[in-house]
């Protein structure tokens, strides 16, 4: 959530956080069911743990991509984000 506020101008943060939480819940809502299905299908706890680790790894990759894109964007010269985005 902190990355969302860094990426959005102050007057657009409510929209950005809304998009963030919508996508967050779309990903996390089916995850326990998928992990349970993996356990029921295979009968061992290995695959649900691999699934959870994959989701955790995806979080790190998404953070790294965000930081990379953030570093490559031009920095405003003396203008605030709100003025730059308007």
N, C-alpha and C. Protein backbone atom coordinates (compact mmCIF):
# COMPACT_ATOMS: atom_id res chain seq x y z
N UNK A 1 0.81 -1.17 0.00
CA UNK A 1 0.00 0.00 0.00
C UNK A 1 0.87 1.25 0.00
N UNK A 2 2.02 1.21 0.63
CA UNK A 2 2.90 2.37 0.65
C UNK A 2 3.43 2.67 -0.74
N UNK A 3 3.66 1.65 -1.56
CA UNK A 3 4.12 1.89 -2.92
C UNK A 3 3.06 2.60 -3.74
N UNK A 4 1.80 2.31 -3.47
CA UNK A 4 0.72 2.97 -4.19
C UNK A 4 0.74 4.46 -3.92
N UNK A 5 0.96 4.86 -2.67
CA UNK A 5 0.99 6.29 -2.37
C UNK A 5 2.21 6.97 -2.95
N UNK A 6 3.30 6.24 -3.14
CA UNK A 6 4.49 6.83 -3.77
C UNK A 6 4.29 7.03 -5.26
N UNK A 7 3.48 6.19 -5.87
CA UNK A 7 3.33 6.24 -7.31
C UNK A 7 2.24 7.19 -7.78
N UNK A 8 1.35 7.58 -6.89
CA UNK A 8 0.19 8.38 -7.29
C UNK A 8 0.32 9.80 -6.75
N UNK A 9 -0.16 10.75 -7.53
CA UNK A 9 -0.25 12.13 -7.06
C UNK A 9 -1.29 12.20 -5.94
N UNK A 10 -1.15 13.15 -5.03
CA UNK A 10 -2.08 13.19 -3.89
C UNK A 10 -3.55 13.21 -4.28
N UNK A 11 -3.90 13.90 -5.34
CA UNK A 11 -5.32 13.98 -5.70
C UNK A 11 -5.82 12.72 -6.40
N UNK A 12 -4.94 11.78 -6.70
CA UNK A 12 -5.35 10.51 -7.33
C UNK A 12 -5.10 9.29 -6.46
N UNK A 13 -4.67 9.49 -5.24
CA UNK A 13 -4.31 8.36 -4.38
C UNK A 13 -5.51 7.49 -4.02
N UNK A 14 -6.66 8.09 -3.83
CA UNK A 14 -7.84 7.29 -3.49
C UNK A 14 -8.14 6.29 -4.60
N UNK A 15 -8.06 6.73 -5.84
CA UNK A 15 -8.28 5.83 -6.97
C UNK A 15 -7.20 4.74 -7.01
N UNK A 16 -5.94 5.12 -6.83
CA UNK A 16 -4.85 4.15 -6.85
C UNK A 16 -4.96 3.11 -5.76
N UNK A 17 -5.33 3.52 -4.57
CA UNK A 17 -5.48 2.57 -3.47
C UNK A 17 -6.69 1.67 -3.72
N UNK A 18 -7.73 2.22 -4.35
CA UNK A 18 -8.89 1.39 -4.71
C UNK A 18 -8.51 0.30 -5.69
N UNK A 19 -7.71 0.65 -6.70
CA UNK A 19 -7.23 -0.34 -7.67
C UNK A 19 -6.33 -1.37 -6.98
N UNK A 20 -5.46 -0.88 -6.09
CA UNK A 20 -4.56 -1.78 -5.37
C UNK A 20 -5.34 -2.82 -4.57
N UNK A 21 -6.30 -2.35 -3.76
CA UNK A 21 -7.05 -3.29 -2.93
C UNK A 21 -7.93 -4.21 -3.76
N UNK A 22 -8.47 -3.72 -4.86
CA UNK A 22 -9.28 -4.59 -5.73
C UNK A 22 -8.43 -5.73 -6.28
N UNK A 23 -7.26 -5.40 -6.80
CA UNK A 23 -6.39 -6.45 -7.35
C UNK A 23 -5.85 -7.34 -6.24
N UNK A 24 -5.55 -6.77 -5.09
CA UNK A 24 -5.07 -7.57 -3.95
C UNK A 24 -6.09 -8.63 -3.56
N UNK A 25 -7.35 -8.22 -3.43
CA UNK A 25 -8.37 -9.18 -3.01
C UNK A 25 -8.73 -10.16 -4.12
N UNK A 26 -8.60 -9.76 -5.38
CA UNK A 26 -8.84 -10.70 -6.47
C UNK A 26 -7.78 -11.80 -6.50
N UNK A 27 -6.58 -11.49 -6.04
CA UNK A 27 -5.51 -12.49 -5.99
C UNK A 27 -5.60 -13.33 -4.72
N UNK A 28 -5.84 -12.68 -3.58
CA UNK A 28 -5.80 -13.42 -2.31
C UNK A 28 -7.07 -14.19 -1.99
N UNK A 29 -8.19 -13.83 -2.56
CA UNK A 29 -9.43 -14.55 -2.26
C UNK A 29 -9.39 -16.01 -2.72
N UNK A 30 -8.99 -16.32 -3.95
CA UNK A 30 -8.99 -17.73 -4.36
C UNK A 30 -7.76 -18.51 -3.89
N UNK A 31 -6.74 -17.85 -3.35
CA UNK A 31 -5.50 -18.54 -2.99
C UNK A 31 -5.70 -19.68 -1.99
N UNK A 32 -6.44 -19.51 -0.89
CA UNK A 32 -6.62 -20.65 0.02
C UNK A 32 -7.36 -21.82 -0.62
N UNK A 33 -8.33 -21.52 -1.48
CA UNK A 33 -9.04 -22.60 -2.17
C UNK A 33 -8.14 -23.36 -3.13
N UNK A 34 -7.27 -22.62 -3.81
CA UNK A 34 -6.32 -23.27 -4.73
C UNK A 34 -5.35 -24.14 -3.94
N UNK A 35 -4.86 -23.62 -2.81
CA UNK A 35 -3.95 -24.41 -1.98
C UNK A 35 -4.64 -25.65 -1.44
N UNK A 36 -5.89 -25.52 -1.02
CA UNK A 36 -6.65 -26.68 -0.55
C UNK A 36 -6.88 -27.70 -1.65
N UNK A 37 -7.18 -27.21 -2.85
CA UNK A 37 -7.37 -28.12 -3.99
C UNK A 37 -6.08 -28.86 -4.30
N UNK A 38 -4.94 -28.14 -4.25
CA UNK A 38 -3.66 -28.80 -4.48
C UNK A 38 -3.41 -29.90 -3.45
N UNK A 39 -3.74 -29.62 -2.19
CA UNK A 39 -3.56 -30.63 -1.15
C UNK A 39 -4.50 -31.81 -1.35
N UNK A 40 -5.76 -31.53 -1.66
CA UNK A 40 -6.73 -32.61 -1.87
C UNK A 40 -6.37 -33.46 -3.08
N UNK A 41 -5.84 -32.84 -4.12
CA UNK A 41 -5.50 -33.56 -5.34
C UNK A 41 -4.27 -34.44 -5.15
N UNK A 42 -3.24 -33.88 -4.49
CA UNK A 42 -1.98 -34.62 -4.37
C UNK A 42 -1.88 -35.42 -3.08
N UNK A 43 -2.55 -34.97 -2.02
CA UNK A 43 -2.48 -35.67 -0.75
C UNK A 43 -1.25 -35.35 0.07
N UNK A 44 -0.41 -34.44 -0.41
CA UNK A 44 0.77 -34.03 0.35
C UNK A 44 0.77 -32.51 0.46
N UNK A 45 1.44 -32.01 1.48
CA UNK A 45 1.45 -30.57 1.73
C UNK A 45 2.51 -29.83 0.92
N UNK A 46 3.30 -30.54 0.15
CA UNK A 46 4.39 -29.92 -0.60
C UNK A 46 3.88 -28.89 -1.61
N UNK A 47 2.88 -29.25 -2.41
CA UNK A 47 2.42 -28.36 -3.48
C UNK A 47 1.72 -27.10 -2.98
N UNK A 48 0.91 -27.17 -1.93
CA UNK A 48 0.38 -25.91 -1.40
C UNK A 48 1.47 -24.98 -0.87
N UNK A 49 2.52 -25.56 -0.29
CA UNK A 49 3.62 -24.73 0.19
C UNK A 49 4.37 -24.12 -0.98
N UNK A 50 4.57 -24.87 -2.04
CA UNK A 50 5.21 -24.33 -3.25
C UNK A 50 4.35 -23.22 -3.84
N UNK A 51 3.05 -23.41 -3.85
CA UNK A 51 2.13 -22.39 -4.35
C UNK A 51 2.26 -21.11 -3.53
N UNK A 52 2.26 -21.24 -2.20
CA UNK A 52 2.40 -20.07 -1.33
C UNK A 52 3.75 -19.39 -1.53
N UNK A 53 4.81 -20.18 -1.67
CA UNK A 53 6.13 -19.61 -1.90
C UNK A 53 6.19 -18.89 -3.24
N UNK A 54 5.50 -19.41 -4.24
CA UNK A 54 5.45 -18.75 -5.55
C UNK A 54 4.75 -17.41 -5.45
N UNK A 55 3.65 -17.35 -4.72
CA UNK A 55 2.96 -16.07 -4.52
C UNK A 55 3.86 -15.09 -3.78
N UNK A 56 4.58 -15.57 -2.78
CA UNK A 56 5.50 -14.71 -2.04
C UNK A 56 6.63 -14.22 -2.94
N UNK A 57 7.16 -15.09 -3.78
CA UNK A 57 8.20 -14.70 -4.72
C UNK A 57 7.68 -13.67 -5.71
N UNK A 58 6.45 -13.84 -6.17
CA UNK A 58 5.84 -12.88 -7.08
C UNK A 58 5.75 -11.49 -6.44
N UNK A 59 5.50 -11.44 -5.13
CA UNK A 59 5.46 -10.16 -4.43
C UNK A 59 6.82 -9.46 -4.50
N UNK A 60 7.88 -10.20 -4.28
CA UNK A 60 9.22 -9.63 -4.38
C UNK A 60 9.56 -9.17 -5.78
N UNK A 61 9.18 -9.96 -6.77
CA UNK A 61 9.43 -9.58 -8.17
C UNK A 61 8.65 -8.32 -8.53
N UNK A 62 7.39 -8.26 -8.11
CA UNK A 62 6.57 -7.08 -8.39
C UNK A 62 7.16 -5.84 -7.73
N UNK A 63 7.68 -5.98 -6.52
CA UNK A 63 8.31 -4.85 -5.84
C UNK A 63 9.56 -4.41 -6.59
N UNK A 64 10.38 -5.35 -7.04
CA UNK A 64 11.59 -5.01 -7.78
C UNK A 64 11.25 -4.32 -9.10
N UNK A 65 10.24 -4.80 -9.80
CA UNK A 65 9.82 -4.16 -11.05
C UNK A 65 9.32 -2.75 -10.79
N UNK A 66 8.53 -2.58 -9.74
CA UNK A 66 8.04 -1.24 -9.39
C UNK A 66 9.19 -0.30 -9.12
N UNK A 67 10.16 -0.74 -8.32
CA UNK A 67 11.32 0.12 -8.01
C UNK A 67 12.13 0.44 -9.26
N UNK A 68 12.27 -0.52 -10.16
CA UNK A 68 13.01 -0.30 -11.41
C UNK A 68 12.31 0.76 -12.26
N UNK A 69 11.00 0.61 -12.42
CA UNK A 69 10.24 1.58 -13.22
C UNK A 69 10.26 2.94 -12.54
N UNK A 70 10.13 2.96 -11.23
CA UNK A 70 10.14 4.21 -10.49
C UNK A 70 11.47 4.94 -10.67
N UNK A 71 12.58 4.23 -10.68
CA UNK A 71 13.89 4.85 -10.85
C UNK A 71 14.10 5.37 -12.26
N UNK A 72 13.44 4.78 -13.25
CA UNK A 72 13.63 5.19 -14.64
C UNK A 72 12.73 6.34 -15.06
N UNK A 73 11.71 6.63 -14.27
CA UNK A 73 10.82 7.74 -14.61
C UNK A 73 11.54 9.06 -14.38
N UNK A 74 11.26 10.06 -15.21
CA UNK A 74 11.91 11.36 -14.99
C UNK A 74 11.43 12.00 -13.69
N UNK A 75 12.36 12.62 -13.00
CA UNK A 75 12.04 13.30 -11.76
C UNK A 75 11.58 14.73 -12.08
N UNK A 76 10.50 15.18 -11.46
CA UNK A 76 10.07 16.56 -11.70
C UNK A 76 11.08 17.54 -11.11
N UNK A 77 11.33 18.62 -11.82
CA UNK A 77 12.27 19.63 -11.37
C UNK A 77 11.52 20.74 -10.65
N UNK A 78 11.48 20.67 -9.34
CA UNK A 78 10.85 21.70 -8.54
C UNK A 78 9.33 21.64 -8.49
N UNK A 79 8.72 20.78 -9.25
CA UNK A 79 7.25 20.67 -9.25
C UNK A 79 6.84 19.50 -8.38
N UNK A 80 5.76 19.68 -7.67
CA UNK A 80 5.24 18.57 -6.87
C UNK A 80 4.56 17.57 -7.79
N UNK A 81 4.31 16.38 -7.29
CA UNK A 81 3.64 15.37 -8.10
C UNK A 81 2.26 15.84 -8.53
N UNK A 82 1.56 16.57 -7.67
CA UNK A 82 0.23 17.05 -8.01
C UNK A 82 0.28 18.02 -9.19
N UNK A 83 1.28 18.90 -9.21
CA UNK A 83 1.41 19.85 -10.31
C UNK A 83 1.85 19.14 -11.59
N UNK A 84 2.73 18.15 -11.45
CA UNK A 84 3.23 17.42 -12.61
C UNK A 84 2.14 16.57 -13.26
N UNK A 85 1.21 16.04 -12.46
CA UNK A 85 0.19 15.13 -12.96
C UNK A 85 -1.03 15.87 -13.51
N UNK A 86 -1.21 17.12 -13.17
CA UNK A 86 -2.41 17.87 -13.58
C UNK A 86 -2.39 18.25 -15.04
